[in-house]
C-alpha atoms as a PDB file:
ATOM      1  CA  MET A   1      16.129 -26.713 -14.550  1.00  0.00           C
ATOM      2  CA  LEU A   2      17.846 -24.060 -12.438  1.00  0.00           C
ATOM      3  CA  SER A   3      17.192 -21.279 -14.933  1.00  0.00           C
ATOM      4  CA  VAL A   4      13.473 -22.117 -15.023  1.00  0.00           C
ATOM      5  CA  GLN A   5      13.339 -21.818 -11.207  1.00  0.00           C
ATOM      6  CA  VAL A   6      15.178 -18.437 -11.304  1.00  0.00           C
ATOM      7  CA  LYS A   7      12.752 -17.130 -13.932  1.00  0.00           C
ATOM      8  CA  GLN A   8       9.806 -18.184 -11.784  1.00  0.00           C
ATOM      9  CA  ASP A   9      11.355 -16.582  -8.675  1.00  0.00           C
ATOM     10  CA  LEU A  10      11.928 -13.284 -10.504  1.00  0.00           C
ATOM     11  CA  LYS A  11       8.199 -13.112 -11.234  1.00  0.00           C
ATOM     12  CA  ASN A  12       7.520 -12.885  -7.486  1.00  0.00           C
ATOM     13  CA  PRO A  13       6.637  -9.226  -6.632  1.00  0.00           C
ATOM     14  CA  TRP A  14       8.221  -9.492  -3.151  1.00  0.00           C
ATOM     15  CA  LEU A  15      11.588 -10.513  -4.557  1.00  0.00           C
ATOM     16  CA  ARG A  16      11.389  -7.747  -7.179  1.00  0.00           C
ATOM     17  CA  GLY A  17      10.602  -5.208  -4.451  1.00  0.00           C
ATOM     18  CA  ILE A  18      13.532  -6.321  -2.269  1.00  0.00           C
ATOM     19  CA  LEU A  19      15.926  -6.208  -5.241  1.00  0.00           C
ATOM     20  CA  ALA A  20      14.630  -2.745  -6.202  1.00  0.00           C
ATOM     21  CA  VAL A  21      15.199  -1.419  -2.651  1.00  0.00           C
ATOM     22  CA  ILE A  22      18.757  -2.787  -2.654  1.00  0.00           C
ATOM     23  CA  ALA A  23      19.444  -1.288  -6.107  1.00  0.00           C
ATOM     24  CA  VAL A  24      18.130   2.141  -5.076  1.00  0.00           C
ATOM     25  CA  THR A  25      20.173   2.094  -1.842  1.00  0.00           C
ATOM     26  CA  VAL A  26      23.388   1.250  -3.721  1.00  0.00           C
ATOM     27  CA  ALA A  27      22.688   3.935  -6.369  1.00  0.00           C
ATOM     28  CA  VAL A  28      21.982   6.643  -3.780  1.00  0.00           C
ATOM     29  CA  ASN A  29      25.136   5.794  -1.811  1.00  0.00           C
ATOM     30  CA  ALA A  30      27.210   5.859  -5.002  1.00  0.00           C
ATOM     31  CA  GLY A  31      25.729   9.269  -5.806  1.00  0.00           C
ATOM     32  CA  PHE A  32      26.608  10.640  -2.344  1.00  0.00           C
ATOM     33  CA  ILE A  33      30.162   9.332  -2.603  1.00  0.00           C
ATOM     34  CA  ALA A  34      30.618  10.845  -6.067  1.00  0.00           C
ATOM     35  CA  TYR A  35      29.218  14.188  -4.869  1.00  0.00           C
ATOM     36  CA  ALA A  36      31.588  14.195  -1.877  1.00  0.00           C
ATOM     37  CA  PHE A  37      34.594  13.789  -4.166  1.00  0.00           C
ATOM     38  CA  ILE A  38      33.396  16.340  -6.732  1.00  0.00           C
ATOM     39  CA  SER A  39      32.557  19.163  -4.288  1.00  0.00           C
ATOM     40  CA  PRO A  40      34.454  18.906  -0.977  1.00  0.00           C
ATOM     41  CA  PRO A  41      33.249  21.154   1.887  1.00  0.00           C
ATOM     42  CA  ASN A  42      36.600  23.067   2.146  1.00  0.00           C
ATOM     43  CA  LEU A  43      36.686  22.661   5.918  1.00  0.00           C
ATOM     44  CA  VAL A  44      40.244  21.357   5.928  1.00  0.00           C
ATOM     45  CA  VAL A  45      43.234  23.683   6.021  1.00  0.00           C
ATOM     46  CA  ASN A  46      45.642  22.977   3.167  1.00  0.00           C
ATOM     47  CA  ASP A  47      48.814  23.270   5.271  1.00  0.00           C
ATOM     48  CA  TYR A  48      47.472  21.476   8.352  1.00  0.00           C
ATOM     49  CA  TYR A  49      50.755  19.715   9.097  1.00  0.00           C
ATOM     50  CA  GLU A  50      52.849  22.903   9.245  1.00  0.00           C
ATOM     51  CA  LYS A  51      50.237  24.718  11.329  1.00  0.00           C
ATOM     52  CA  GLY A  52      49.997  21.838  13.780  1.00  0.00           C
ATOM     53  CA  LYS A  53      53.770  21.574  14.054  1.00  0.00           C
ATOM     54  CA  SER A  54      54.162  25.255  14.924  1.00  0.00           C
ATOM     55  CA  TYR A  55      51.099  25.503  17.195  1.00  0.00           C
ATOM     56  CA  PHE A  56      52.927  25.334  20.538  1.00  0.00           C
ATOM     57  CA  HIS A  57      55.740  27.591  19.304  1.00  0.00           C
ATOM     58  CA  ASP A  58      53.218  30.199  18.191  1.00  0.00           C
ATOM     59  CA  GLN A  59      51.401  29.919  21.515  1.00  0.00           C
ATOM     60  CA  LEU A  60      54.610  30.749  23.439  1.00  0.00           C
ATOM     61  CA  VAL A  61      55.314  33.719  21.158  1.00  0.00           C
ATOM     62  CA  GLU A  62      51.784  35.019  21.735  1.00  0.00           C
ATOM     63  CA  GLN A  63      52.135  34.730  25.511  1.00  0.00           C
ATOM     64  CA  LYS A  64      55.417  36.661  25.454  1.00  0.00           C
ATOM     65  CA  SER A  65      53.945  39.401  23.296  1.00  0.00           C
ATOM     66  CA  ALA A  66      50.698  39.669  25.315  1.00  0.00           C
ATOM     67  CA  ALA A  67      52.153  42.482  27.425  1.00  0.00           C
ATOM     68  CA  SER A  68      52.842  44.571  24.323  1.00  0.00           C
ATOM     69  CA  ALA A  69      49.610  43.595  22.565  1.00  0.00           C
ATOM     70  CA  TRP A  70      47.130  46.062  21.225  1.00  0.00           C
ATOM     71  CA  ARG A  71      43.435  45.903  22.036  1.00  0.00           C
ATOM     72  CA  LEU A  72      41.135  45.402  19.079  1.00  0.00           C
ATOM     73  CA  GLN A  73      37.347  45.261  19.075  1.00  0.00           C
ATOM     74  CA  LEU A  74      35.307  44.444  15.986  1.00  0.00           C
ATOM     75  CA  MET A  75      31.813  45.964  15.968  1.00  0.00           C
ATOM     76  CA  LEU A  76      28.989  44.862  13.664  1.00  0.00           C
ATOM     77  CA  PRO A  77      25.196  45.235  13.872  1.00  0.00           C
ATOM     78  CA  ASP A  78      23.230  42.455  15.569  1.00  0.00           C
ATOM     79  CA  LYS A  79      21.069  41.764  12.509  1.00  0.00           C
ATOM     80  CA  ILE A  80      22.794  41.394   9.157  1.00  0.00           C
ATOM     81  CA  ARG A  81      21.021  40.502   5.930  1.00  0.00           C
ATOM     82  CA  ALA A  82      22.617  39.094   2.785  1.00  0.00           C
ATOM     83  CA  HIS A  83      23.437  41.713   0.113  1.00  0.00           C
ATOM     84  CA  ASP A  84      22.661  44.646   2.472  1.00  0.00           C
ATOM     85  CA  PRO A  85      25.733  46.775   3.268  1.00  0.00           C
ATOM     86  CA  VAL A  86      26.266  47.220   7.015  1.00  0.00           C
ATOM     87  CA  PRO A  87      28.814  49.405   8.804  1.00  0.00           C
ATOM     88  CA  CYS A  88      31.788  47.465  10.096  1.00  0.00           C
ATOM     89  CA  ARG A  89      34.001  49.170  12.689  1.00  0.00           C
ATOM     90  CA  LEU A  90      37.276  48.148  14.251  1.00  0.00           C
ATOM     91  CA  TYR A  91      38.366  49.984  17.403  1.00  0.00           C
ATOM     92  CA  VAL A  92      42.114  49.831  18.000  1.00  0.00           C
ATOM     93  CA  MET A  93      44.163  50.915  21.023  1.00  0.00           C
ATOM     94  CA  ASP A  94      47.889  50.398  21.405  1.00  0.00           C
ATOM     95  CA  HIS A  95      49.611  48.764  24.382  1.00  0.00           C
ATOM     96  CA  GLN A  96      49.498  52.088  26.276  1.00  0.00           C
ATOM     97  CA  GLY A  97      45.746  52.443  25.829  1.00  0.00           C
ATOM     98  CA  GLN A  98      46.029  55.243  23.253  1.00  0.00           C
ATOM     99  CA  PRO A  99      43.889  55.159  20.095  1.00  0.00           C
ATOM    100  CA  VAL A 100      45.848  54.222  16.986  1.00  0.00           C
ATOM    101  CA  ARG A 101      45.823  56.951  14.324  1.00  0.00           C
ATOM    102  CA  ALA A 102      47.415  55.141  11.381  1.00  0.00           C
ATOM    103  CA  GLY A 103      47.836  51.714   9.863  1.00  0.00           C
ATOM    104  CA  LYS A 104      46.438  49.446   7.212  1.00  0.00           C
ATOM    105  CA  VAL A 105      43.388  47.402   8.267  1.00  0.00           C
ATOM    106  CA  VAL A 106      42.067  44.516   6.213  1.00  0.00           C
ATOM    107  CA  LEU A 107      38.885  42.605   7.046  1.00  0.00           C
ATOM    108  CA  THR A 108      38.759  39.081   5.618  1.00  0.00           C
ATOM    109  CA  ALA A 109      35.453  37.197   5.608  1.00  0.00           C
ATOM    110  CA  TYR A 110      35.583  33.415   5.402  1.00  0.00           C
ATOM    111  CA  ARG A 111      32.559  31.241   4.701  1.00  0.00           C
ATOM    112  CA  PRO A 112      33.297  27.896   6.395  1.00  0.00           C
ATOM    113  CA  SER A 113      31.012  25.945   4.082  1.00  0.00           C
ATOM    114  CA  ASP A 114      32.295  27.420   0.794  1.00  0.00           C
ATOM    115  CA  ALA A 115      35.704  29.015   0.247  1.00  0.00           C
ATOM    116  CA  ALA A 116      34.658  30.342  -3.173  1.00  0.00           C
ATOM    117  CA  ASN A 117      32.712  33.182  -1.500  1.00  0.00           C
ATOM    118  CA  ASP A 118      35.511  34.455   0.780  1.00  0.00           C
ATOM    119  CA  PHE A 119      36.305  38.147   0.347  1.00  0.00           C
ATOM    120  CA  ARG A 120      38.518  40.949   1.700  1.00  0.00           C
ATOM    121  CA  THR A 121      37.728  44.576   2.428  1.00  0.00           C
ATOM    122  CA  GLU A 122      40.068  47.349   3.476  1.00  0.00           C
ATOM    123  CA  LEU A 123      38.863  49.507   6.380  1.00  0.00           C
ATOM    124  CA  SER A 124      39.827  53.176   6.404  1.00  0.00           C
ATOM    125  CA  LEU A 125      40.539  55.460   9.357  1.00  0.00           C
ATOM    126  CA  SER A 126      37.344  57.342  10.203  1.00  0.00           C
ATOM    127  CA  ASP A 127      38.223  58.657  13.676  1.00  0.00           C
ATOM    128  CA  ALA A 128      41.035  58.334  16.217  1.00  0.00           C
ATOM    129  CA  GLY A 129      41.323  54.595  16.850  1.00  0.00           C
ATOM    130  CA  THR A 130      38.360  53.734  14.606  1.00  0.00           C
ATOM    131  CA  PHE A 131      38.588  52.087  11.206  1.00  0.00           C
ATOM    132  CA  SER A 132      35.378  51.495   9.270  1.00  0.00           C
ATOM    133  CA  ALA A 133      33.848  50.481   5.942  1.00  0.00           C
ATOM    134  CA  PRO A 134      30.501  49.236   4.681  1.00  0.00           C
ATOM    135  CA  VAL A 135      30.449  45.455   4.198  1.00  0.00           C
ATOM    136  CA  ALA A 136      27.887  43.420   2.238  1.00  0.00           C
ATOM    137  CA  PHE A 137      27.826  39.659   2.650  1.00  0.00           C
ATOM    138  CA  PRO A 138      26.882  37.891  -0.599  1.00  0.00           C
ATOM    139  CA  LEU A 139      25.215  34.838   0.967  1.00  0.00           C
ATOM    140  CA  PRO A 140      23.312  34.001   4.153  1.00  0.00           C
ATOM    141  CA  GLY A 141      24.798  31.666   6.725  1.00  0.00           C
ATOM    142  CA  HIS A 142      27.745  31.572   9.129  1.00  0.00           C
ATOM    143  CA  TRP A 143      30.811  33.724   8.426  1.00  0.00           C
ATOM    144  CA  ASP A 144      34.176  33.940  10.185  1.00  0.00           C
ATOM    145  CA  LEU A 145      35.765  37.399  10.198  1.00  0.00           C
ATOM    146  CA  LEU A 146      39.417  38.223  10.698  1.00  0.00           C
ATOM    147  CA  ALA A 147      40.406  41.878  11.079  1.00  0.00           C
ATOM    148  CA  ARG A 148      44.137  42.608  10.903  1.00  0.00           C
ATOM    149  CA  ILE A 149      45.978  45.886  11.411  1.00  0.00           C
ATOM    150  CA  ASP A 150      49.520  46.375  10.110  1.00  0.00           C
ATOM    151  CA  LEU A 151      51.627  49.318  11.310  1.00  0.00           C
ATOM    152  CA  ASP A 152      55.390  49.743  11.443  1.00  0.00           C
ATOM    153  CA  GLY A 153      56.122  46.062  10.873  1.00  0.00           C
ATOM    154  CA  GLN A 154      53.774  44.964  13.644  1.00  0.00           C
ATOM    155  CA  HIS A 155      50.472  43.271  13.019  1.00  0.00           C
ATOM    156  CA  PHE A 156      47.626  42.396  15.344  1.00  0.00           C
ATOM    157  CA  ASP A 157      44.380  40.679  14.570  1.00  0.00           C
ATOM    158  CA  THR A 158      41.035  39.771  16.042  1.00  0.00           C
ATOM    159  CA  ALA A 159      38.400  37.285  14.948  1.00  0.00           C
ATOM    160  CA  ALA A 160      34.625  37.063  15.160  1.00  0.00           C
ATOM    161  CA  ARG A 161      31.893  34.716  13.974  1.00  0.00           C
ATOM    162  CA  LEU A 162      28.504  35.950  12.802  1.00  0.00           C
ATOM    163  CA  PHE A 163      25.332  34.765  11.164  1.00  0.00           C
ATOM    164  CA  VAL A 164      23.912  36.486   8.090  1.00  0.00           C
ATOM    165  CA  GLU A 165      20.150  36.192   7.502  1.00  0.00           C
ATOM    166  CA  LYS A 166      18.385  35.839   4.145  1.00  0.00           C
END
């Protein structure tokens, strides 16, 4: 008797519609969850515990070395398009305000939404205190830049965030 009633109820279009909406909702949520596990957004630092543990120690070291710090300024054009090379310049002055005339400068570009497209470029000395190189960003979107100069065992860096258009 019960199975006859269930068969009759399943013929009702309203019940079929409600069951279909529930089934689609569960399937879509399962798809989103599977996609989240397959392709994570790479927004988490792998060694977060070590970096968090040494945060306050590093902050004190930076404050002590602020008096001997160099001044770095990263210069890029206002409008940047994907795949178009643009001049990237880093101006560097030492703690005495003199332009730096040597050193190895590396520019690292991080894409917060996808670590697979991160890249590094070495900047060469083009003038007293100026390091430059053409840089082409492969994809549009937000990019985080980190320019670091190494000279005589010392290293200083500066960071910038920019948006690359299509």
